[in-house]
Protein backbone atom coordinates (compact mmCIF):
# COMPACT_ATOMS: atom_id res chain seq x y z
CA CYS A 1 -17.27 49.28 121.45
CA ASP A 2 -19.38 51.04 124.05
CA LEU A 3 -21.74 53.83 123.02
CA TRP A 4 -22.98 56.92 124.83
CA LEU A 5 -25.91 59.09 123.76
CA THR A 6 -25.63 62.65 125.10
CA ASP A 7 -27.59 65.85 124.79
CA LEU A 8 -26.47 68.56 122.39
CA THR A 9 -24.12 70.06 124.98
CA GLY A 10 -22.28 66.75 125.17
CA THR A 11 -22.30 66.83 128.97
CA ARG A 12 -25.53 65.02 129.94
CA ARG A 13 -25.84 61.27 129.34
CA LEU A 14 -29.22 60.26 127.90
CA ALA A 15 -28.41 56.58 127.41
CA SER A 16 -25.39 54.31 127.19
CA SER A 17 -24.31 50.71 126.83
CA THR A 18 -22.18 50.90 129.97
CA ASP A 19 -22.09 52.53 133.39
CA ARG A 20 -18.58 53.83 132.76
CA THR A 21 -17.88 57.55 132.90
CA LEU A 22 -18.57 59.50 129.74
CA PRO A 23 -15.25 59.69 127.80
CA ASP A 24 -13.79 62.77 126.20
CA ARG A 25 -14.66 63.29 122.54
CA THR A 26 -10.99 63.21 121.61
CA ASP A 27 -10.74 59.63 122.90
CA GLY A 28 -13.25 58.21 120.43
CA THR A 29 -15.56 59.02 117.53
CA PHE A 30 -18.79 60.98 117.73
CA VAL A 31 -21.60 61.81 115.35
CA THR A 32 -24.52 64.18 115.72
CA VAL A 33 -27.92 62.51 115.83
CA THR A 34 -29.89 64.38 113.16
CA ALA A 35 -33.14 63.85 111.28
CA ALA A 36 -35.44 66.13 109.30
CA GLY A 37 -33.06 69.00 109.90
CA GLN A 38 -33.37 68.65 113.67
CA GLN A 39 -30.51 67.79 116.01
CA PHE A 40 -31.28 65.51 118.96
CA GLY A 41 -27.88 64.87 120.54
CA HIS A 42 -24.57 63.10 119.98
CA LEU A 43 -23.40 59.49 119.80
CA LEU A 44 -19.95 58.90 121.22
CA THR A 45 -17.74 55.79 121.14
CA ASP A 46 -14.92 54.86 123.51
CA ARG A 47 -12.39 54.43 120.70
CA SER A 48 -11.65 55.77 117.25
CA LEU A 49 -13.51 54.04 114.42
CA ASN A 50 -12.33 53.20 110.94
CA GLU A 51 -14.28 54.31 107.89
CA ALA A 52 -16.49 51.22 107.69
CA GLU A 53 -17.27 51.31 111.40
CA GLN A 54 -18.12 55.01 111.23
CA ALA A 55 -20.58 54.29 108.41
CA VAL A 56 -22.30 51.80 110.72
CA LEU A 57 -22.35 54.38 113.52
CA GLU A 58 -24.00 56.90 111.23
CA ARG A 59 -26.72 54.37 110.37
CA VAL A 60 -27.17 53.73 114.07
CA SER A 61 -27.59 57.47 114.61
CA LEU A 62 -30.49 57.49 112.13
CA HIS A 63 -32.25 54.78 114.13
CA VAL A 64 -31.61 56.73 117.34
CA ALA A 65 -33.01 59.88 115.74
CA LEU A 66 -36.14 57.97 114.70
CA TRP A 67 -36.52 56.58 118.22
CA MET A 68 -36.17 60.06 119.74
CA MET A 69 -38.66 61.56 117.28
CA LEU A 70 -41.21 58.85 118.10
CA THR A 71 -40.57 59.27 121.83
CA ARG A 72 -41.15 63.02 121.63
CA ALA A 73 -44.28 62.49 119.54
CA ARG A 74 -45.63 60.02 122.11
CA GLU A 75 -44.83 62.42 124.93
CA ALA A 76 -46.62 65.21 123.06
CA VAL A 77 -49.72 63.01 122.67
CA GLU A 78 -49.60 62.00 126.35
CA LEU A 79 -49.16 65.64 127.34
CA ARG A 80 -52.12 66.68 125.22
CA ASP A 81 -54.23 63.83 126.57
CA GLY A 82 -53.10 64.63 130.11
CA THR A 83 -54.05 68.27 129.66
CA GLU A 84 -57.49 67.26 128.37
CA ALA A 85 -57.98 64.81 131.25
CA VAL A 86 -56.94 67.33 133.88
CA SER A 87 -59.21 69.99 132.43
CA ALA A 88 -62.15 67.59 132.28
CA LEU A 89 -61.69 66.40 135.87
CA ILE A 90 -61.24 69.77 137.54
CA ASP A 91 -63.51 72.11 135.60
CA GLY A 92 -66.57 70.89 137.53
CA THR A 93 -68.70 69.96 134.52
CA LEU A 94 -68.53 66.16 134.89
CA ASP A 95 -70.94 64.13 136.98
CA ALA A 96 -69.76 61.10 138.96
CA ALA A 97 -70.07 58.74 136.00
CA GLY A 98 -68.23 61.10 133.66
CA ALA A 99 -65.37 61.67 136.11
CA ARG A 100 -65.00 57.95 136.74
CA SER A 101 -64.95 57.31 132.99
CA VAL A 102 -61.97 59.67 132.57
CA LEU A 103 -60.22 58.08 135.54
CA GLU A 104 -60.78 54.62 133.99
CA GLU A 105 -58.95 55.74 130.85
CA TRP A 106 -55.92 56.47 133.04
CA TRP A 107 -56.34 53.40 135.28
CA LEU A 108 -57.03 55.63 138.25
CA HIS A 109 -60.57 54.39 138.91
CA GLN A 110 -59.64 51.62 141.35
CA VAL A 111 -57.82 53.70 143.97
CA GLU A 112 -59.58 54.56 147.23
CA ARG A 113 -58.51 58.20 147.34
CA TRP A 114 -57.19 60.74 144.88
CA CYS A 115 -54.56 63.42 145.47
CA VAL A 116 -54.53 66.62 143.44
CA LEU A 117 -51.19 68.40 143.41
CA VAL A 118 -50.60 71.89 142.07
CA LEU A 119 -46.89 72.53 141.53
CA GLU A 120 -45.05 75.74 140.73
CA THR A 121 -42.51 75.24 137.96
CA PRO A 122 -40.31 77.75 136.09
CA ASP A 123 -41.22 77.94 132.40
CA PRO A 124 -37.90 76.72 130.92
CA VAL A 125 -38.19 73.28 132.54
CA VAL A 126 -41.94 72.66 132.57
CA ASP A 127 -41.78 69.90 129.94
CA ARG A 128 -38.84 68.24 131.68
CA VAL A 129 -40.65 68.28 135.00
CA VAL A 130 -43.79 66.83 133.42
CA ARG A 131 -41.78 64.02 131.82
CA ALA A 132 -39.88 63.31 135.03
CA LEU A 133 -43.07 63.18 137.08
CA SER A 134 -44.75 60.85 134.60
CA ALA A 135 -41.75 58.54 134.29
CA SER A 136 -41.03 58.34 138.02
CA SER A 137 -44.48 57.20 139.12
CA PRO A 138 -44.73 53.41 139.57
CA SER A 139 -48.52 53.67 139.48
CA PRO A 140 -50.99 55.42 137.13
CA VAL A 141 -50.77 59.21 137.23
CA ILE A 142 -52.07 62.17 135.22
CA VAL A 143 -49.60 65.04 134.81
CA ALA A 144 -50.13 68.16 132.72
CA PRO A 145 -49.42 71.91 132.65
CA HIS A 146 -52.52 73.82 133.65
CA GLU A 147 -53.03 77.59 133.90
CA GLY A 148 -49.49 78.50 134.90
CA HIS A 149 -48.72 75.48 137.06
CA ILE A 150 -48.40 71.72 136.79
CA CYS A 151 -51.40 69.70 137.90
CA VAL A 152 -50.99 66.10 139.04
CA ILE A 153 -53.70 63.58 139.90
CA THR A 154 -52.56 60.36 141.58
CA GLY A 155 -53.63 57.80 144.14
CA ASP A 156 -50.12 56.86 145.29
CA ALA A 157 -49.35 58.43 148.67
CA ARG A 158 -45.84 56.98 148.82
CA TRP A 159 -44.95 58.51 145.48
CA VAL A 160 -46.22 61.90 146.66
CA ASP A 161 -44.07 61.61 149.79
CA ALA A 162 -41.02 60.81 147.62
CA LEU A 163 -41.33 63.88 145.37
CA PRO A 164 -38.60 65.83 147.24
CA SER A 165 -36.10 63.10 146.26
CA LEU A 166 -37.16 63.52 142.62
CA PHE A 167 -36.76 67.31 142.57
CA ALA A 168 -33.65 67.87 144.71
CA PRO A 169 -31.06 65.96 142.60
CA ARG A 170 -32.18 67.86 139.50
CA GLY A 171 -31.84 71.25 141.16
CA TRP A 172 -35.58 71.93 140.95
CA THR A 173 -37.42 73.68 143.76
CA LEU A 174 -40.44 71.76 144.98
CA ARG A 175 -43.22 74.17 145.90
CA GLY A 176 -46.87 73.27 145.73
CA GLY A 177 -50.17 72.48 147.34
CA MET A 178 -52.02 69.21 147.58
CA THR A 179 -55.38 67.85 148.71
CA TRP A 180 -56.72 64.31 149.10
CA VAL A 181 -60.36 63.53 148.33
CA ASP A 182 -62.54 60.41 148.47
CA ALA A 183 -64.83 61.04 145.52
CA PRO A 184 -64.10 61.90 141.86
CA THR A 185 -66.68 64.68 141.96
CA ASP A 186 -64.60 66.38 144.68
CA LEU A 187 -61.60 66.80 142.35
CA PRO A 188 -62.57 70.37 141.26
CA ASP A 189 -62.73 71.54 144.89
CA ALA A 190 -59.49 69.68 145.61
CA HIS A 191 -57.78 71.53 142.77
CA ARG A 192 -58.96 74.91 144.03
CA THR A 193 -57.80 74.07 147.54
CA ALA A 194 -54.40 72.84 146.32
CA GLU A 195 -54.03 75.98 144.22
CA LEU A 196 -54.80 78.04 147.30
CA ALA A 197 -52.14 76.15 149.24
CA LEU A 198 -49.57 76.82 146.52
CA SER A 199 -50.41 80.52 146.52
CA ALA A 200 -49.96 80.64 150.29
CA GLN A 201 -46.60 78.86 149.95
CA VAL A 202 -45.46 81.45 147.42
CA ALA A 203 -46.75 84.37 149.51
CA LEU A 204 -45.00 83.09 152.63
CA GLY A 205 -41.78 82.27 150.79
CA ARG A 206 -41.97 78.58 151.70
CA THR A 207 -40.95 75.51 149.73
CA GLY A 208 -42.22 71.94 149.81
CA LEU A 209 -45.78 70.68 149.66
CA SER A 210 -48.56 72.21 151.74
CA ASP A 211 -51.73 70.29 152.56
CA GLY A 212 -54.60 72.52 151.53
CA THR A 213 -56.99 71.00 154.06
CA GLY A 214 -55.06 72.71 156.87
CA LEU A 215 -55.46 76.21 155.46
CA GLY A 216 -57.90 78.79 156.72
CA VAL A 217 -59.32 82.12 155.67
CA VAL A 218 -55.96 83.88 156.03
CA ALA A 219 -54.54 81.66 153.29
CA ALA A 220 -57.47 82.60 151.06
CA VAL A 221 -56.80 86.28 151.71
CA LEU A 222 -53.10 85.77 150.97
CA HIS A 223 -53.99 84.08 147.70
CA LEU A 224 -56.37 86.84 146.61
CA GLY A 225 -54.04 89.57 147.81
CA ALA A 226 -50.99 88.17 146.01
CA SER A 227 -52.96 87.66 142.79
CA GLY A 228 -54.51 91.13 142.92
CA GLY A 229 -58.00 89.68 143.14
CA LEU A 230 -58.92 90.97 146.57
CA PRO A 231 -61.35 93.92 146.52
CA THR A 232 -59.90 96.69 148.67
CA SER A 233 -63.31 97.31 150.23
CA LEU A 234 -63.17 93.90 151.94
CA ILE A 235 -60.25 94.78 154.19
CA ALA A 236 -59.31 97.72 156.34
CA ASP A 237 -57.49 100.72 154.89
CA LEU A 238 -53.97 100.90 156.35
CA THR A 239 -53.18 104.26 154.77
CA PRO A 240 -53.28 106.18 158.09
CA LEU A 241 -50.59 103.87 159.51
CA THR A 242 -48.42 103.69 156.40
CA SER A 243 -48.56 107.46 155.93
CA TYR A 244 -47.69 108.10 159.57
CA ASP A 245 -44.80 105.63 159.48
CA SER A 246 -43.47 107.23 156.31
CA SER A 247 -43.63 110.81 157.58
CA HIS A 248 -42.49 110.14 161.16
CA HIS A 249 -40.08 107.24 160.54
CA SER A 250 -42.07 105.20 163.06
CA ASP A 251 -43.06 101.54 163.17
CA LEU A 252 -46.80 101.53 163.89
CA LEU A 253 -47.63 99.04 161.15
CA ARG A 254 -45.28 96.38 162.46
CA THR A 255 -46.28 97.16 166.05
CA ALA A 256 -49.93 96.48 165.25
CA ASP A 257 -49.03 93.26 163.45
CA VAL A 258 -46.84 91.96 166.27
CA TYR A 259 -49.44 93.00 168.85
CA PHE A 260 -52.14 90.96 167.09
CA SER A 261 -49.81 87.95 166.74
CA ALA A 262 -49.01 88.20 170.46
CA ASP A 263 -52.73 87.98 171.30
CA GLY A 264 -52.71 91.53 172.63
CA ASN A 265 -49.92 90.85 175.14
CA VAL A 266 -47.98 94.10 175.58
CA ALA A 267 -44.99 92.45 177.29
CA ARG A 268 -44.59 89.86 174.55
CA THR A 269 -44.97 92.54 171.88
CA ALA A 270 -42.23 94.61 173.51
CA THR A 271 -39.93 91.59 173.59
CA VAL A 272 -40.44 90.82 169.89
CA LEU A 273 -39.95 94.47 168.90
CA GLY A 274 -37.03 94.98 171.29
CA VAL A 275 -38.54 98.08 172.91
CA HIS A 276 -39.86 99.06 176.35
CA ARG A 277 -43.46 98.23 177.27
CA ASN A 278 -44.28 101.92 177.65
CA THR A 279 -43.11 102.46 174.07
CA VAL A 280 -45.54 99.77 172.92
CA ARG A 281 -48.39 101.37 174.88
CA GLN A 282 -47.62 104.78 173.37
CA ARG A 283 -47.64 103.28 169.88
CA LEU A 284 -50.93 101.51 170.54
CA ASP A 285 -52.46 104.79 171.69
CA ARG A 286 -51.24 106.45 168.51
CA ILE A 287 -52.73 103.63 166.41
CA GLY A 288 -56.06 104.18 168.19
CA GLU A 289 -55.93 107.88 167.38
CA LEU A 290 -55.25 107.17 163.70
CA MET A 291 -57.51 104.15 163.13
CA GLY A 292 -60.31 104.79 165.62
CA GLU A 293 -60.95 103.50 169.11
CA ASP A 294 -62.51 100.26 167.83
CA TRP A 295 -59.36 99.17 165.96
CA ASN A 296 -58.68 96.45 168.56
CA ARG A 297 -62.26 95.18 168.87
CA MET A 298 -64.13 92.70 166.71
CA PRO A 299 -65.09 92.84 163.88
CA ARG A 300 -62.75 95.74 163.06
CA LYS A 301 -59.86 93.81 164.60
CA LEU A 302 -60.27 90.97 162.08
CA ASP A 303 -60.34 93.43 159.18
CA LEU A 304 -57.08 94.96 160.36
CA GLN A 305 -55.40 91.59 160.85
CA LEU A 306 -56.28 90.49 157.34
CA ALA A 307 -55.20 93.83 155.91
CA LEU A 308 -51.82 93.52 157.62
CA ARG A 309 -51.29 90.06 156.14
CA VAL A 310 -52.20 91.23 152.64
CA HIS A 311 -49.91 94.24 153.01
CA ALA A 312 -47.05 91.92 153.95
CA VAL A 313 -47.24 89.96 150.69
CA ALA A 314 -48.13 92.86 148.40
CA PRO A 315 -45.37 94.36 146.22
CA GLY A 316 -43.39 96.75 148.40
CA GLY A 317 -45.03 95.36 151.51
CA GLY A 318 -41.78 94.07 152.92
CA GLY A 319 -42.62 90.38 152.75
CA VAL A 320 -43.66 88.13 155.53
CA SER A 321 -41.39 87.73 158.51
CA GLU A 322 -40.37 84.39 159.98
CA ARG A 323 -42.54 85.21 163.00
CA GLN A 324 -45.59 85.53 160.77
CA ALA A 325 -44.71 82.37 158.89
């Protein structure tokens, strides 16, 4: 008879001897795959078994349990080794020879370029994502959880491009940063840049992969602002605007932000805000009174622009609008 191995819920097929649809339990015989007091799943047949056949099925279930235990043990070793390899390659302590030695252990020393990916993954499915990433790559790859995200090091550009097709069918959201480098000693910088790209993706509410090499100083500010690591003394104080908006039910903060994004064009600012040009001019005058006459001149202008971006991603800041994104 045909056999199906399912997870403990009985709804997800892990392996089978046929491509046929998983039958209902009432149509056949099933046993729970158990070993050392741990349950791994269920074995299901497509017909009812007699006593002798069921005894054989139970022996089969022991072999399946052993296989699953060994598989999990191997995955745990690979995960540990992957974590050690990732840490060694990105902590910046290895010289060129040391980095290449680690890459040789993972058969990644012969590629021309390396890609470091930093992926956001919800905690409940981290291990599943790590396993799926490792199993799906047709070429050598290092995958491991690292400081709240999953870090991947690969040399396969086509596999990187195909990651959306790996995540989407499983209902996982693909959000991350990536950077390509030409030298093993550049991997630590690549990791920091990819991490920065992920942080910017999160701050802007975007999904998919962002190439860290295309990011600028605003992305760095977004990263520090979202993580709470940006010293307040480095950016302008927006309190005069936020306090005024709160007490007068006005919109000076957004007006300043739109005005900067419109390159100081009053007409375009009025269009985006849906108000008359004179209203924009009056608001700009009020901003000057509150922030000082130099608010729209460099270098104060840059401080205000960065402060507005940080405010947008800070808790209670209202998020980042599609226009800003």
